[in-house]
Amino acid sequence: SGNASTYGGGIYGNNSDIIVSKCTFNSNFAKNTGGGIFSDHQCEISDCNFTENIAEISGGGIYNSSSHAVTSCNFINNYASKGGGIYNPASSTITNCTFRKNSAKDYGGGAFNTNGKPIFINCTFEKNTAENGGGMSNNSCTTMLTDCLFIENTSTNGGGMYNFTNGNP
């Protein structure tokens, strides 16, 4: 809680796999990416809470540039320029997660997905905000959504979801 770094305010995983379970990431800060967690390798994250984490560029809660599995996590009141809750530049599976009151300056208040095939199953996106895609933004990727809820998200373009440059949900 309350950590600061250039990458990964809470955890920085450089060229290593990460398994994190039943942890809380609160009020961490990253000058670049990954307010709560930054990983450039595979990671498994389950039953964690990400609250009030900030990344100036991307991934307020989590930034992972490789495939990852995120299960039963809460992303609440996180911030980044892209991907307030989570930034997915790879194929990831996000299951049973809640994204609430996250914000992004540019894209994806709850989640920003790019260059992969992310899968969201049974996730809730509620009261997230961004200039483009309050709940979620998809760029150059094929995003699969199953049993997800988008509730009261706000944005200039695409309150619930914004898709661009071949973003195909």
Protein backbone atom coordinates (compact mmCIF):
# COMPACT_ATOMS: atom_id res chain seq x y z
CA SER A 1 0.00 0.00 0.00
CA GLY A 2 1.26 3.45 -0.90
CA ASN A 3 4.28 2.31 -2.94
CA ALA A 4 5.69 4.29 -5.89
CA SER A 5 7.87 3.26 -8.83
CA THR A 6 8.40 3.84 -12.54
CA TYR A 7 6.84 0.45 -13.40
CA GLY A 8 4.65 -1.63 -11.11
CA GLY A 9 3.86 0.46 -8.07
CA GLY A 10 2.84 -2.62 -6.06
CA ILE A 11 4.63 -5.45 -7.91
CA TYR A 12 7.13 -5.28 -10.76
CA GLY A 13 7.63 -8.60 -12.55
CA ASN A 14 10.49 -8.37 -15.04
CA ASN A 15 10.93 -11.50 -17.19
CA SER A 16 9.36 -13.76 -14.56
CA ASP A 17 6.02 -15.48 -14.05
CA ILE A 18 3.83 -14.14 -11.24
CA ILE A 19 1.17 -15.89 -9.16
CA VAL A 20 -0.73 -13.60 -6.78
CA SER A 21 -3.73 -14.60 -4.67
CA LYS A 22 -5.82 -12.96 -1.92
CA CYS A 23 -3.87 -9.68 -1.91
CA THR A 24 -4.87 -6.04 -1.72
CA PHE A 25 -3.22 -3.35 -3.84
CA ASN A 26 -4.19 0.06 -2.52
CA SER A 27 -2.91 3.58 -3.37
CA ASN A 28 0.14 2.45 -5.35
CA PHE A 29 1.64 4.68 -8.07
CA ALA A 30 3.58 3.99 -11.27
CA LYS A 31 5.14 6.84 -13.23
CA ASN A 32 4.76 4.72 -16.37
CA THR A 33 2.66 1.50 -16.35
CA GLY A 34 1.07 -0.84 -13.82
CA GLY A 35 -0.09 1.10 -10.79
CA GLY A 36 -0.84 -2.11 -8.87
CA ILE A 37 1.03 -4.74 -10.93
CA PHE A 38 3.33 -4.63 -13.96
CA SER A 39 4.33 -7.92 -15.57
CA ASP A 40 5.96 -8.70 -18.90
CA HIS A 41 5.48 -12.46 -18.48
CA GLN A 42 2.62 -14.81 -17.71
CA CYS A 43 0.76 -14.15 -14.51
CA GLU A 44 -2.14 -15.59 -12.56
CA ILE A 45 -4.03 -13.23 -10.28
CA SER A 46 -6.99 -14.34 -8.18
CA ASP A 47 -9.17 -13.03 -5.35
CA CYS A 48 -7.38 -9.66 -5.20
CA ASN A 49 -8.57 -6.10 -4.67
CA PHE A 50 -7.12 -3.18 -6.64
CA THR A 51 -8.25 0.17 -5.21
CA GLU A 52 -7.06 3.73 -5.86
CA ASN A 53 -3.93 2.73 -7.79
CA ILE A 54 -2.56 5.14 -10.42
CA ALA A 55 -0.41 4.70 -13.52
CA GLU A 56 0.34 7.84 -15.48
CA ILE A 57 0.38 6.00 -18.81
CA SER A 58 -1.42 2.63 -18.74
CA GLY A 59 -2.89 0.01 -16.42
CA GLY A 60 -4.02 1.69 -13.22
CA GLY A 61 -4.67 -1.67 -11.56
CA ILE A 62 -2.78 -4.12 -13.80
CA TYR A 63 -0.57 -3.92 -16.89
CA ASN A 64 0.57 -7.25 -18.34
CA SER A 65 2.23 -7.48 -21.74
CA SER A 66 1.94 -11.29 -21.90
CA SER A 67 -1.03 -13.58 -21.45
CA HIS A 68 -2.55 -13.66 -18.02
CA ALA A 69 -5.51 -15.03 -16.08
CA VAL A 70 -7.36 -12.75 -13.68
CA THR A 71 -10.10 -14.37 -11.60
CA SER A 72 -12.49 -12.99 -8.97
CA CYS A 73 -10.78 -9.61 -8.57
CA ASN A 74 -12.22 -6.18 -7.84
CA PHE A 75 -10.92 -3.06 -9.59
CA ILE A 76 -12.29 0.00 -7.82
CA ASN A 77 -11.40 3.67 -8.31
CA ASN A 78 -8.10 3.13 -10.22
CA TYR A 79 -6.74 5.60 -12.81
CA ALA A 80 -4.51 5.63 -15.91
CA SER A 81 -4.39 7.42 -19.24
CA LYS A 82 -5.30 4.07 -20.88
CA GLY A 83 -6.97 1.23 -18.99
CA GLY A 84 -8.00 2.63 -15.64
CA GLY A 85 -8.64 -0.83 -14.19
CA ILE A 86 -6.63 -3.07 -16.51
CA TYR A 87 -4.55 -2.73 -19.67
CA ASN A 88 -4.41 -5.82 -21.91
CA PRO A 89 -1.87 -5.70 -24.74
CA ALA A 90 -2.07 -9.52 -25.09
CA SER A 91 -4.51 -12.40 -24.98
CA SER A 92 -5.86 -12.71 -21.45
CA THR A 93 -8.77 -14.33 -19.66
CA ILE A 94 -10.60 -12.23 -17.09
CA THR A 95 -13.31 -14.08 -15.16
CA ASN A 96 -15.77 -13.03 -12.41
CA CYS A 97 -14.22 -9.57 -11.98
CA THR A 98 -15.80 -6.25 -11.08
CA PHE A 99 -14.64 -2.94 -12.58
CA ARG A 100 -16.25 -0.06 -10.67
CA LYS A 101 -15.56 3.69 -10.69
CA ASN A 102 -12.26 3.38 -12.56
CA SER A 103 -11.25 6.19 -14.90
CA ALA A 104 -8.96 6.77 -17.85
CA LYS A 105 -7.99 10.05 -19.44
CA ASP A 106 -8.10 8.62 -22.97
CA TYR A 107 -9.25 5.01 -23.46
CA GLY A 108 -11.00 2.34 -21.39
CA GLY A 109 -12.08 3.45 -17.95
CA GLY A 110 -12.54 -0.16 -16.85
CA ALA A 111 -10.38 -1.98 -19.42
CA PHE A 112 -8.30 -1.20 -22.49
CA ASN A 113 -7.58 -4.12 -24.84
CA THR A 114 -5.17 -4.07 -27.76
CA ASN A 115 -3.36 -6.54 -30.06
CA GLY A 116 -4.70 -9.82 -28.72
CA LYS A 117 -7.77 -11.92 -28.08
CA PRO A 118 -8.85 -11.08 -24.52
CA ILE A 119 -11.75 -12.99 -23.02
CA PHE A 120 -14.08 -11.54 -20.37
CA ILE A 121 -16.49 -13.94 -18.65
CA ASN A 122 -19.11 -12.90 -16.08
CA CYS A 123 -17.58 -9.45 -15.46
CA THR A 124 -19.32 -6.27 -14.39
CA PHE A 125 -18.35 -2.79 -15.63
CA GLU A 126 -20.10 -0.16 -13.52
CA LYS A 127 -19.73 3.63 -13.31
CA ASN A 128 -16.36 3.75 -15.10
CA THR A 129 -15.38 6.84 -17.10
CA ALA A 130 -13.04 7.70 -20.00
CA GLU A 131 -12.91 10.00 -23.00
CA ASN A 132 -13.35 6.91 -25.22
CA GLY A 133 -15.03 3.82 -23.83
CA GLY A 134 -16.22 4.37 -20.29
CA GLY A 135 -16.48 0.65 -19.57
CA MET A 136 -14.06 -0.73 -22.17
CA SER A 137 -12.03 0.20 -25.27
CA ASN A 138 -10.86 -2.28 -27.91
CA ASN A 139 -8.08 -1.48 -30.40
CA SER A 140 -6.78 -3.91 -33.05
CA CYS A 141 -8.06 -6.96 -31.19
CA THR A 142 -10.87 -9.48 -31.08
CA THR A 143 -12.44 -9.33 -27.62
CA MET A 144 -14.82 -12.06 -26.48
CA LEU A 145 -17.46 -11.12 -23.92
CA THR A 146 -19.73 -13.68 -22.22
CA ASP A 147 -22.33 -12.82 -19.55
CA CYS A 148 -20.88 -9.37 -18.84
CA LEU A 149 -22.81 -6.37 -17.52
CA PHE A 150 -22.21 -2.72 -18.48
CA ILE A 151 -23.99 -0.37 -16.06
CA GLU A 152 -23.90 3.47 -15.95
CA ASN A 153 -20.49 3.92 -17.62
CA THR A 154 -19.85 7.36 -19.13
CA SER A 155 -17.75 8.64 -22.01
CA THR A 156 -17.70 11.18 -24.82
CA ASN A 157 -17.53 8.25 -27.28
CA GLY A 158 -19.01 4.88 -26.34
CA GLY A 159 -20.28 4.97 -22.76
CA GLY A 160 -20.21 1.20 -22.38
CA MET A 161 -17.69 0.29 -25.09
CA TYR A 162 -15.58 2.01 -27.75
CA ASN A 163 -14.04 0.04 -30.65
CA PHE A 164 -11.49 1.40 -33.10
CA THR A 165 -8.78 0.32 -35.59
CA ASN A 166 -10.26 -3.16 -36.07
CA GLY A 167 -11.41 -3.53 -32.48
CA ASN A 168 -13.92 -6.35 -32.94
CA PRO A 169 -15.80 -7.56 -29.88
